[in-house]
């Protein structure tokens, strides 16, 4: 694919990313050429390609430099990604105060991800003084743009009463918005409120969706919580999620799943507990004994 500089300039960031995914190696070259001509969209897309190793060897340091160049030109997505690099230590040292500054630049430009990331820094007090009210303001700004993770955090504020009296009905409504937008934490939190109110049949599908979509660390936490629940239907969801954790998992994941099967499927449980023991999990001996 050969595009002129004028044609490159006319492409939206999403179009650049789509082209890169189709013809990564060749496209990375003309992205580099466009970035050298000062196109901030190309600089940012090239930075993401370098960060991910798509079409070019991964180079987080170079990615950070391209993000910084586009951020200095005032491009909000680049400022947000530079903030991510600074917060996570990608391509250089961690620098929380500078990360917060970058997120603020992106947030004040109206970028939903910048608003979300700045709000998280304010919520945690990372690189800035902890300020729950400001955090809520930025989460709400991103939520107004239908940013699913921010919608979930607005709900958390209402549920926990972090800046006012708890509002469980309001929290449930916001969690439902986040859940329907596909945020797995919103799905889990909505399910939790439904289960607490005795609406277990409604909660189960949301727990299942959260368990299927969540990160591995989230899945482990969800499995532990649901396996400890007194309701049989919710424990069954916990078993399903525990099984997911075994896909490329650790000894602790095999042990968790084995113990979840001990009562109903003792032979299968024994097999998983042995796998956990072979993987070096220290608690496996107790599991083997308890499985009979």
C-alpha atoms as a PDB file:
ATOM      1  CA  UNK A   1       0.000   0.000   0.000  1.00  0.00           C
ATOM      2  CA  UNK A   2       1.442   3.368  -1.033  1.00  0.00           C
ATOM      3  CA  UNK A   3      -0.087   6.557   0.320  1.00  0.00           C
ATOM      4  CA  UNK A   4       1.019  10.120  -0.240  1.00  0.00           C
ATOM      5  CA  UNK A   5       1.736  12.469   2.648  1.00  0.00           C
ATOM      6  CA  UNK A   6      -1.513  14.304   1.879  1.00  0.00           C
ATOM      7  CA  UNK A   7      -3.459  11.039   2.032  1.00  0.00           C
ATOM      8  CA  UNK A   8      -1.784  10.103   5.297  1.00  0.00           C
ATOM      9  CA  UNK A   9      -2.647  13.492   6.741  1.00  0.00           C
ATOM     10  CA  UNK A  10      -6.322  12.939   5.926  1.00  0.00           C
ATOM     11  CA  UNK A  11      -6.543   9.611   7.776  1.00  0.00           C
ATOM     12  CA  UNK A  12      -8.177   9.460  11.195  1.00  0.00           C
ATOM     13  CA  UNK A  13      -6.293   7.628  14.002  1.00  0.00           C
ATOM     14  CA  UNK A  14      -8.698   4.694  13.799  1.00  0.00           C
ATOM     15  CA  UNK A  15      -8.015   4.389  10.060  1.00  0.00           C
ATOM     16  CA  UNK A  16      -4.264   4.398  10.657  1.00  0.00           C
ATOM     17  CA  UNK A  17      -4.622   1.629  13.225  1.00  0.00           C
ATOM     18  CA  UNK A  18      -6.837  -0.423  10.893  1.00  0.00           C
ATOM     19  CA  UNK A  19      -4.334  -0.166   8.059  1.00  0.00           C
ATOM     20  CA  UNK A  20      -1.471  -1.083  10.367  1.00  0.00           C
ATOM     21  CA  UNK A  21      -3.265  -4.248  11.449  1.00  0.00           C
ATOM     22  CA  UNK A  22      -3.733  -5.316   7.814  1.00  0.00           C
ATOM     23  CA  UNK A  23      -0.231  -4.691   6.519  1.00  0.00           C
ATOM     24  CA  UNK A  24       1.872  -4.241   9.619  1.00  0.00           C
ATOM     25  CA  UNK A  25       5.403  -4.413   8.257  1.00  0.00           C
ATOM     26  CA  UNK A  26       4.948  -2.159   5.234  1.00  0.00           C
ATOM     27  CA  UNK A  27       2.629   0.217   7.044  1.00  0.00           C
ATOM     28  CA  UNK A  28       5.064   0.715   9.907  1.00  0.00           C
ATOM     29  CA  UNK A  29       7.543   2.108   7.400  1.00  0.00           C
ATOM     30  CA  UNK A  30       5.222   4.744   5.997  1.00  0.00           C
ATOM     31  CA  UNK A  31       3.927   5.496   9.469  1.00  0.00           C
ATOM     32  CA  UNK A  32       7.521   6.258  10.384  1.00  0.00           C
ATOM     33  CA  UNK A  33       7.834   8.535   7.366  1.00  0.00           C
ATOM     34  CA  UNK A  34       4.598  10.303   8.243  1.00  0.00           C
ATOM     35  CA  UNK A  35       5.680  10.628  11.876  1.00  0.00           C
ATOM     36  CA  UNK A  36       8.956  12.207  10.759  1.00  0.00           C
ATOM     37  CA  UNK A  37       6.919  14.769   8.818  1.00  0.00           C
ATOM     38  CA  UNK A  38       5.248  15.788  12.083  1.00  0.00           C
ATOM     39  CA  UNK A  39       1.829  14.130  11.781  1.00  0.00           C
ATOM     40  CA  UNK A  40       0.774  13.664  15.393  1.00  0.00           C
ATOM     41  CA  UNK A  41      -1.705  10.904  14.550  1.00  0.00           C
ATOM     42  CA  UNK A  42       1.051   8.942  12.830  1.00  0.00           C
ATOM     43  CA  UNK A  43       3.469   9.599  15.689  1.00  0.00           C
ATOM     44  CA  UNK A  44       0.936   8.257  18.191  1.00  0.00           C
ATOM     45  CA  UNK A  45      -0.014   5.229  16.102  1.00  0.00           C
ATOM     46  CA  UNK A  46       3.667   4.468  15.512  1.00  0.00           C
ATOM     47  CA  UNK A  47       4.279   4.767  19.255  1.00  0.00           C
ATOM     48  CA  UNK A  48       1.519   2.240  19.919  1.00  0.00           C
ATOM     49  CA  UNK A  49       2.957  -0.096  17.270  1.00  0.00           C
ATOM     50  CA  UNK A  50       6.376   0.111  18.937  1.00  0.00           C
ATOM     51  CA  UNK A  51       4.829  -0.478  22.339  1.00  0.00           C
ATOM     52  CA  UNK A  52       2.934  -3.549  21.109  1.00  0.00           C
ATOM     53  CA  UNK A  53       5.587  -4.837  18.694  1.00  0.00           C
ATOM     54  CA  UNK A  54       3.193  -4.748  15.728  1.00  0.00           C
ATOM     55  CA  UNK A  55       4.958  -4.528  12.381  1.00  0.00           C
ATOM     56  CA  UNK A  56       8.188  -3.554  14.081  1.00  0.00           C
ATOM     57  CA  UNK A  57      10.290  -4.901  16.958  1.00  0.00           C
ATOM     58  CA  UNK A  58       8.907  -3.786  20.308  1.00  0.00           C
ATOM     59  CA  UNK A  59      10.725  -0.751  21.673  1.00  0.00           C
ATOM     60  CA  UNK A  60       8.994   0.900  24.620  1.00  0.00           C
ATOM     61  CA  UNK A  61      11.666   3.592  24.876  1.00  0.00           C
ATOM     62  CA  UNK A  62      11.106   4.672  21.276  1.00  0.00           C
ATOM     63  CA  UNK A  63       7.339   4.488  21.810  1.00  0.00           C
ATOM     64  CA  UNK A  64       7.647   6.848  24.764  1.00  0.00           C
ATOM     65  CA  UNK A  65       9.650   9.325  22.671  1.00  0.00           C
ATOM     66  CA  UNK A  66       7.066   9.376  19.869  1.00  0.00           C
ATOM     67  CA  UNK A  67       4.235   9.821  22.365  1.00  0.00           C
ATOM     68  CA  UNK A  68       6.151  12.702  23.976  1.00  0.00           C
ATOM     69  CA  UNK A  69       6.684  14.395  20.624  1.00  0.00           C
ATOM     70  CA  UNK A  70       2.989  14.258  19.724  1.00  0.00           C
ATOM     71  CA  UNK A  71       1.969  15.249  23.264  1.00  0.00           C
ATOM     72  CA  UNK A  72       4.118  18.379  23.063  1.00  0.00           C
ATOM     73  CA  UNK A  73       2.129  19.304  19.960  1.00  0.00           C
ATOM     74  CA  UNK A  74      -1.033  19.108  22.061  1.00  0.00           C
ATOM     75  CA  UNK A  75      -2.411  15.778  20.827  1.00  0.00           C
ATOM     76  CA  UNK A  76      -4.528  14.361  23.649  1.00  0.00           C
ATOM     77  CA  UNK A  77      -4.293  10.612  22.814  1.00  0.00           C
ATOM     78  CA  UNK A  78      -0.493  10.911  22.799  1.00  0.00           C
ATOM     79  CA  UNK A  79      -0.498  12.736  26.134  1.00  0.00           C
ATOM     80  CA  UNK A  80      -2.627   9.953  27.593  1.00  0.00           C
ATOM     81  CA  UNK A  81      -0.292   7.247  26.284  1.00  0.00           C
ATOM     82  CA  UNK A  82       2.767   9.128  27.526  1.00  0.00           C
ATOM     83  CA  UNK A  83       1.053   9.181  30.914  1.00  0.00           C
ATOM     84  CA  UNK A  84       0.592   5.416  30.723  1.00  0.00           C
ATOM     85  CA  UNK A  85       4.290   4.948  29.955  1.00  0.00           C
ATOM     86  CA  UNK A  86       5.279   7.176  32.866  1.00  0.00           C
ATOM     87  CA  UNK A  87       2.838   5.537  35.275  1.00  0.00           C
ATOM     88  CA  UNK A  88       3.763   1.976  34.307  1.00  0.00           C
ATOM     89  CA  UNK A  89       7.468   2.490  33.726  1.00  0.00           C
ATOM     90  CA  UNK A  90       7.244   1.464  30.062  1.00  0.00           C
ATOM     91  CA  UNK A  91      10.370   2.559  28.231  1.00  0.00           C
ATOM     92  CA  UNK A  92      11.912   4.332  31.204  1.00  0.00           C
ATOM     93  CA  UNK A  93      11.512   5.202  34.856  1.00  0.00           C
ATOM     94  CA  UNK A  94       8.161   5.504  36.585  1.00  0.00           C
ATOM     95  CA  UNK A  95       7.184   9.098  37.288  1.00  0.00           C
ATOM     96  CA  UNK A  96       3.752   9.456  38.875  1.00  0.00           C
ATOM     97  CA  UNK A  97       3.710  13.288  39.055  1.00  0.00           C
ATOM     98  CA  UNK A  98       4.579  13.607  35.357  1.00  0.00           C
ATOM     99  CA  UNK A  99       2.075  10.879  34.504  1.00  0.00           C
ATOM    100  CA  UNK A 100      -0.645  12.844  36.293  1.00  0.00           C
ATOM    101  CA  UNK A 101       0.327  15.972  34.374  1.00  0.00           C
ATOM    102  CA  UNK A 102       0.020  14.101  31.088  1.00  0.00           C
ATOM    103  CA  UNK A 103      -3.341  12.661  32.054  1.00  0.00           C
ATOM    104  CA  UNK A 104      -4.544  16.136  33.023  1.00  0.00           C
ATOM    105  CA  UNK A 105      -3.512  17.473  29.608  1.00  0.00           C
ATOM    106  CA  UNK A 106      -5.508  14.703  27.927  1.00  0.00           C
ATOM    107  CA  UNK A 107      -8.429  15.069  30.338  1.00  0.00           C
ATOM    108  CA  UNK A 108      -8.724  18.819  29.884  1.00  0.00           C
ATOM    109  CA  UNK A 109      -8.729  18.238  26.123  1.00  0.00           C
ATOM    110  CA  UNK A 110     -11.864  16.132  26.609  1.00  0.00           C
ATOM    111  CA  UNK A 111     -10.376  12.660  26.092  1.00  0.00           C
ATOM    112  CA  UNK A 112     -12.383  10.104  28.064  1.00  0.00           C
ATOM    113  CA  UNK A 113      -9.394   7.824  28.734  1.00  0.00           C
ATOM    114  CA  UNK A 114      -7.394  10.805  29.975  1.00  0.00           C
ATOM    115  CA  UNK A 115     -10.238  11.730  32.305  1.00  0.00           C
ATOM    116  CA  UNK A 116     -10.456   8.162  33.599  1.00  0.00           C
ATOM    117  CA  UNK A 117      -6.711   7.867  34.172  1.00  0.00           C
ATOM    118  CA  UNK A 118      -6.462  11.257  35.897  1.00  0.00           C
ATOM    119  CA  UNK A 119      -9.421  10.313  38.093  1.00  0.00           C
ATOM    120  CA  UNK A 120      -7.657   7.106  39.106  1.00  0.00           C
ATOM    121  CA  UNK A 121      -4.534   9.041  40.087  1.00  0.00           C
ATOM    122  CA  UNK A 122      -6.654  11.395  42.198  1.00  0.00           C
ATOM    123  CA  UNK A 123      -8.553   8.476  43.737  1.00  0.00           C
ATOM    124  CA  UNK A 124      -5.323   6.715  44.740  1.00  0.00           C
ATOM    125  CA  UNK A 125      -3.198   9.768  45.482  1.00  0.00           C
ATOM    126  CA  UNK A 126      -0.574   8.717  42.937  1.00  0.00           C
ATOM    127  CA  UNK A 127       1.547  11.666  41.822  1.00  0.00           C
ATOM    128  CA  UNK A 128      -1.069  14.085  43.167  1.00  0.00           C
ATOM    129  CA  UNK A 129      -2.783  14.737  46.473  1.00  0.00           C
ATOM    130  CA  UNK A 130      -5.672  12.341  47.020  1.00  0.00           C
ATOM    131  CA  UNK A 131      -8.894  14.157  46.190  1.00  0.00           C
ATOM    132  CA  UNK A 132     -12.065  12.069  46.015  1.00  0.00           C
ATOM    133  CA  UNK A 133     -14.297  14.910  44.867  1.00  0.00           C
ATOM    134  CA  UNK A 134     -12.053  15.798  41.942  1.00  0.00           C
ATOM    135  CA  UNK A 135     -11.745  12.115  41.106  1.00  0.00           C
ATOM    136  CA  UNK A 136     -15.518  11.772  41.003  1.00  0.00           C
ATOM    137  CA  UNK A 137     -15.809  14.854  38.795  1.00  0.00           C
ATOM    138  CA  UNK A 138     -13.439  13.378  36.210  1.00  0.00           C
ATOM    139  CA  UNK A 139     -15.014   9.899  36.365  1.00  0.00           C
ATOM    140  CA  UNK A 140     -18.394  11.552  35.801  1.00  0.00           C
ATOM    141  CA  UNK A 141     -17.017  13.534  32.846  1.00  0.00           C
ATOM    142  CA  UNK A 142     -15.754  10.343  31.201  1.00  0.00           C
ATOM    143  CA  UNK A 143     -18.973   8.507  32.080  1.00  0.00           C
ATOM    144  CA  UNK A 144     -20.910  11.230  30.260  1.00  0.00           C
ATOM    145  CA  UNK A 145     -19.039  10.057  27.150  1.00  0.00           C
ATOM    146  CA  UNK A 146     -20.180   6.455  27.841  1.00  0.00           C
ATOM    147  CA  UNK A 147     -16.758   5.350  29.065  1.00  0.00           C
ATOM    148  CA  UNK A 148     -17.700   2.008  30.638  1.00  0.00           C
ATOM    149  CA  UNK A 149     -14.927   1.795  33.246  1.00  0.00           C
ATOM    150  CA  UNK A 150     -15.732   5.303  34.444  1.00  0.00           C
ATOM    151  CA  UNK A 151     -19.425   4.450  34.685  1.00  0.00           C
ATOM    152  CA  UNK A 152     -18.466   1.559  36.974  1.00  0.00           C
ATOM    153  CA  UNK A 153     -16.401   3.892  39.165  1.00  0.00           C
ATOM    154  CA  UNK A 154     -19.243   6.406  39.454  1.00  0.00           C
ATOM    155  CA  UNK A 155     -21.315   3.503  40.758  1.00  0.00           C
ATOM    156  CA  UNK A 156     -18.583   2.580  43.263  1.00  0.00           C
ATOM    157  CA  UNK A 157     -18.630   6.110  44.648  1.00  0.00           C
ATOM    158  CA  UNK A 158     -22.393   5.868  45.131  1.00  0.00           C
ATOM    159  CA  UNK A 159     -22.276   2.375  46.632  1.00  0.00           C
ATOM    160  CA  UNK A 160     -19.455   3.131  49.076  1.00  0.00           C
ATOM    161  CA  UNK A 161     -20.551   6.666  49.921  1.00  0.00           C
ATOM    162  CA  UNK A 162     -17.100   8.064  49.271  1.00  0.00           C
ATOM    163  CA  UNK A 163     -18.265  11.669  48.852  1.00  0.00           C
ATOM    164  CA  UNK A 164     -21.780  11.495  50.301  1.00  0.00           C
ATOM    165  CA  UNK A 165     -24.341   9.124  51.809  1.00  0.00           C
ATOM    166  CA  UNK A 166     -24.404   5.675  50.163  1.00  0.00           C
ATOM    167  CA  UNK A 167     -26.974   5.363  47.386  1.00  0.00           C
ATOM    168  CA  UNK A 168     -27.511   1.685  46.560  1.00  0.00           C
ATOM    169  CA  UNK A 169     -30.377   2.175  44.086  1.00  0.00           C
ATOM    170  CA  UNK A 170     -28.323   4.807  42.265  1.00  0.00           C
ATOM    171  CA  UNK A 171     -25.266   2.556  42.328  1.00  0.00           C
ATOM    172  CA  UNK A 172     -27.265  -0.342  40.907  1.00  0.00           C
ATOM    173  CA  UNK A 173     -28.494   1.810  38.026  1.00  0.00           C
ATOM    174  CA  UNK A 174     -24.947   2.923  37.176  1.00  0.00           C
ATOM    175  CA  UNK A 175     -23.582  -0.604  37.530  1.00  0.00           C
ATOM    176  CA  UNK A 176     -26.208  -1.791  35.076  1.00  0.00           C
ATOM    177  CA  UNK A 177     -25.081   0.853  32.586  1.00  0.00           C
ATOM    178  CA  UNK A 178     -21.460  -0.271  32.972  1.00  0.00           C
ATOM    179  CA  UNK A 179     -22.443  -3.937  32.723  1.00  0.00           C
ATOM    180  CA  UNK A 180     -24.478  -3.430  29.578  1.00  0.00           C
ATOM    181  CA  UNK A 181     -21.564  -1.459  28.098  1.00  0.00           C
ATOM    182  CA  UNK A 182     -19.370  -4.545  28.564  1.00  0.00           C
ATOM    183  CA  UNK A 183     -17.262  -3.630  31.606  1.00  0.00           C
ATOM    184  CA  UNK A 184     -16.572  -6.883  33.467  1.00  0.00           C
ATOM    185  CA  UNK A 185     -16.173  -5.160  36.833  1.00  0.00           C
ATOM    186  CA  UNK A 186     -19.484  -3.428  36.322  1.00  0.00           C
ATOM    187  CA  UNK A 187     -21.029  -6.805  35.492  1.00  0.00           C
ATOM    188  CA  UNK A 188     -19.609  -8.355  38.634  1.00  0.00           C
ATOM    189  CA  UNK A 189     -20.629  -5.430  40.837  1.00  0.00           C
ATOM    190  CA  UNK A 190     -24.162  -5.417  39.460  1.00  0.00           C
ATOM    191  CA  UNK A 191     -24.387  -9.161  40.054  1.00  0.00           C
ATOM    192  CA  UNK A 192     -23.162  -8.711  43.614  1.00  0.00           C
ATOM    193  CA  UNK A 193     -25.870  -6.155  44.405  1.00  0.00           C
ATOM    194  CA  UNK A 194     -28.508  -8.388  42.815  1.00  0.00           C
ATOM    195  CA  UNK A 195     -27.325 -11.376  44.856  1.00  0.00           C
ATOM    196  CA  UNK A 196     -27.302  -9.334  48.060  1.00  0.00           C
ATOM    197  CA  UNK A 197     -30.935  -8.390  47.450  1.00  0.00           C
ATOM    198  CA  UNK A 198     -31.899 -12.049  46.939  1.00  0.00           C
ATOM    199  CA  UNK A 199     -32.176 -11.844  43.134  1.00  0.00           C
ATOM    200  CA  UNK A 200     -29.750 -14.719  42.551  1.00  0.00           C
ATOM    201  CA  UNK A 201     -31.330 -15.891  39.292  1.00  0.00           C
ATOM    202  CA  UNK A 202     -30.718 -12.430  37.794  1.00  0.00           C
ATOM    203  CA  UNK A 203     -27.215 -12.277  39.256  1.00  0.00           C
ATOM    204  CA  UNK A 204     -25.948 -15.579  37.812  1.00  0.00           C
ATOM    205  CA  UNK A 205     -25.760 -14.516  34.115  1.00  0.00           C
ATOM    206  CA  UNK A 206     -23.904 -11.317  35.049  1.00  0.00           C
ATOM    207  CA  UNK A 207     -21.421 -13.238  37.198  1.00  0.00           C
ATOM    208  CA  UNK A 208     -20.903 -15.625  34.273  1.00  0.00           C
ATOM    209  CA  UNK A 209     -20.282 -12.782  31.824  1.00  0.00           C
ATOM    210  CA  UNK A 210     -17.863 -11.088  34.200  1.00  0.00           C
ATOM    211  CA  UNK A 211     -15.978 -14.345  34.724  1.00  0.00           C
ATOM    212  CA  UNK A 212     -15.659 -14.907  31.000  1.00  0.00           C
ATOM    213  CA  UNK A 213     -14.448 -11.387  30.180  1.00  0.00           C
ATOM    214  CA  UNK A 214     -12.313 -10.518  33.192  1.00  0.00           C
ATOM    215  CA  UNK A 215      -8.553 -10.495  33.496  1.00  0.00           C
ATOM    216  CA  UNK A 216      -6.863 -13.510  35.028  1.00  0.00           C
ATOM    217  CA  UNK A 217      -6.280 -11.763  38.375  1.00  0.00           C
ATOM    218  CA  UNK A 218      -9.916 -10.707  38.430  1.00  0.00           C
ATOM    219  CA  UNK A 219     -11.043 -14.246  37.627  1.00  0.00           C
ATOM    220  CA  UNK A 220      -9.033 -15.625  40.542  1.00  0.00           C
ATOM    221  CA  UNK A 221     -10.571 -13.162  42.968  1.00  0.00           C
ATOM    222  CA  UNK A 222     -14.076 -13.766  41.602  1.00  0.00           C
ATOM    223  CA  UNK A 223     -13.635 -17.551  41.847  1.00  0.00           C
ATOM    224  CA  UNK A 224     -12.492 -17.323  45.469  1.00  0.00           C
ATOM    225  CA  UNK A 225     -15.432 -15.110  46.433  1.00  0.00           C
ATOM    226  CA  UNK A 226     -18.066 -17.167  44.655  1.00  0.00           C
ATOM    227  CA  UNK A 227     -16.711 -20.520  45.861  1.00  0.00           C
ATOM    228  CA  UNK A 228     -17.093 -19.235  49.409  1.00  0.00           C
ATOM    229  CA  UNK A 229     -20.714 -18.175  48.833  1.00  0.00           C
ATOM    230  CA  UNK A 230     -23.439 -20.169  50.608  1.00  0.00           C
ATOM    231  CA  UNK A 231     -25.697 -20.215  47.531  1.00  0.00           C
ATOM    232  CA  UNK A 232     -25.200 -23.340  45.419  1.00  0.00           C
ATOM    233  CA  UNK A 233     -25.925 -21.566  42.114  1.00  0.00           C
ATOM    234  CA  UNK A 234     -23.266 -18.959  42.800  1.00  0.00           C
ATOM    235  CA  UNK A 235     -20.766 -21.583  43.920  1.00  0.00           C
ATOM    236  CA  UNK A 236     -21.361 -23.347  40.588  1.00  0.00           C
ATOM    237  CA  UNK A 237     -20.399 -20.138  38.769  1.00  0.00           C
ATOM    238  CA  UNK A 238     -17.298 -20.022  40.936  1.00  0.00           C
ATOM    239  CA  UNK A 239     -16.371 -23.543  39.791  1.00  0.00           C
ATOM    240  CA  UNK A 240     -16.718 -22.494  36.154  1.00  0.00           C
ATOM    241  CA  UNK A 241     -14.505 -19.460  36.674  1.00  0.00           C
ATOM    242  CA  UNK A 242     -11.974 -21.547  38.607  1.00  0.00           C
ATOM    243  CA  UNK A 243     -11.803 -23.886  35.608  1.00  0.00           C
ATOM    244  CA  UNK A 244     -11.024 -20.919  33.340  1.00  0.00           C
ATOM    245  CA  UNK A 245      -8.097 -20.009  35.587  1.00  0.00           C
ATOM    246  CA  UNK A 246      -6.544 -23.411  34.891  1.00  0.00           C
ATOM    247  CA  UNK A 247      -6.016 -22.542  31.225  1.00  0.00           C
ATOM    248  CA  UNK A 248      -2.323 -21.710  31.292  1.00  0.00           C
ATOM    249  CA  UNK A 249      -2.596 -21.308  35.038  1.00  0.00           C
ATOM    250  CA  UNK A 250      -0.388 -21.907  38.061  1.00  0.00           C
ATOM    251  CA  UNK A 251      -0.263 -24.531  40.789  1.00  0.00           C
ATOM    252  CA  UNK A 252      -2.508 -22.329  42.916  1.00  0.00           C
ATOM    253  CA  UNK A 253      -5.086 -22.257  40.109  1.00  0.00           C
ATOM    254  CA  UNK A 254      -5.053 -26.073  39.814  1.00  0.00           C
ATOM    255  CA  UNK A 255      -5.376 -26.377  43.578  1.00  0.00           C
ATOM    256  CA  UNK A 256      -8.324 -23.968  43.717  1.00  0.00           C
ATOM    257  CA  UNK A 257     -10.156 -25.900  41.019  1.00  0.00           C
ATOM    258  CA  UNK A 258      -9.347 -29.258  42.568  1.00  0.00           C
ATOM    259  CA  UNK A 259     -10.684 -28.185  45.941  1.00  0.00           C
ATOM    260  CA  UNK A 260     -13.827 -26.829  44.271  1.00  0.00           C
ATOM    261  CA  UNK A 261     -14.493 -30.325  42.865  1.00  0.00           C
ATOM    262  CA  UNK A 262     -13.759 -32.330  46.030  1.00  0.00           C
ATOM    263  CA  UNK A 263     -17.356 -32.878  47.133  1.00  0.00           C
ATOM    264  CA  UNK A 264     -19.136 -33.449  43.811  1.00  0.00           C
ATOM    265  CA  UNK A 265     -16.328 -34.925  41.683  1.00  0.00           C
ATOM    266  CA  UNK A 266     -13.701 -36.386  44.015  1.00  0.00           C
ATOM    267  CA  UNK A 267     -11.855 -38.408  41.359  1.00  0.00           C
ATOM    268  CA  UNK A 268     -11.517 -35.418  39.051  1.00  0.00           C
ATOM    269  CA  UNK A 269     -10.538 -33.317  42.051  1.00  0.00           C
ATOM    270  CA  UNK A 270      -7.742 -35.756  42.900  1.00  0.00           C
ATOM    271  CA  UNK A 271      -6.335 -35.412  39.397  1.00  0.00           C
ATOM    272  CA  UNK A 272      -6.213 -31.609  39.601  1.00  0.00           C
ATOM    273  CA  UNK A 273      -4.703 -31.663  43.095  1.00  0.00           C
ATOM    274  CA  UNK A 274      -1.968 -33.965  41.823  1.00  0.00           C
ATOM    275  CA  UNK A 275      -1.310 -31.536  38.968  1.00  0.00           C
ATOM    276  CA  UNK A 276      -1.074 -28.750  41.541  1.00  0.00           C
ATOM    277  CA  UNK A 277       1.407 -30.785  43.571  1.00  0.00           C
ATOM    278  CA  UNK A 278       3.521 -31.491  40.468  1.00  0.00           C
ATOM    279  CA  UNK A 279       3.447 -27.740  39.736  1.00  0.00           C
ATOM    280  CA  UNK A 280       4.923 -27.174  43.195  1.00  0.00           C
ATOM    281  CA  UNK A 281       1.930 -25.761  45.026  1.00  0.00           C
ATOM    282  CA  UNK A 282       2.593 -26.186  48.768  1.00  0.00           C
ATOM    283  CA  UNK A 283      -1.022 -26.645  49.855  1.00  0.00           C
ATOM    284  CA  UNK A 284      -1.617 -29.601  47.576  1.00  0.00           C
ATOM    285  CA  UNK A 285      -0.828 -32.254  50.181  1.00  0.00           C
ATOM    286  CA  UNK A 286      -3.720 -31.090  52.315  1.00  0.00           C
ATOM    287  CA  UNK A 287      -5.953 -31.145  49.237  1.00  0.00           C
ATOM    288  CA  UNK A 288      -4.969 -34.705  48.406  1.00  0.00           C
ATOM    289  CA  UNK A 289      -5.699 -35.841  51.952  1.00  0.00           C
ATOM    290  CA  UNK A 290      -9.080 -34.124  52.069  1.00  0.00           C
ATOM    291  CA  UNK A 291     -10.173 -35.646  48.772  1.00  0.00           C
ATOM    292  CA  UNK A 292      -9.958 -39.103  50.293  1.00  0.00           C
END
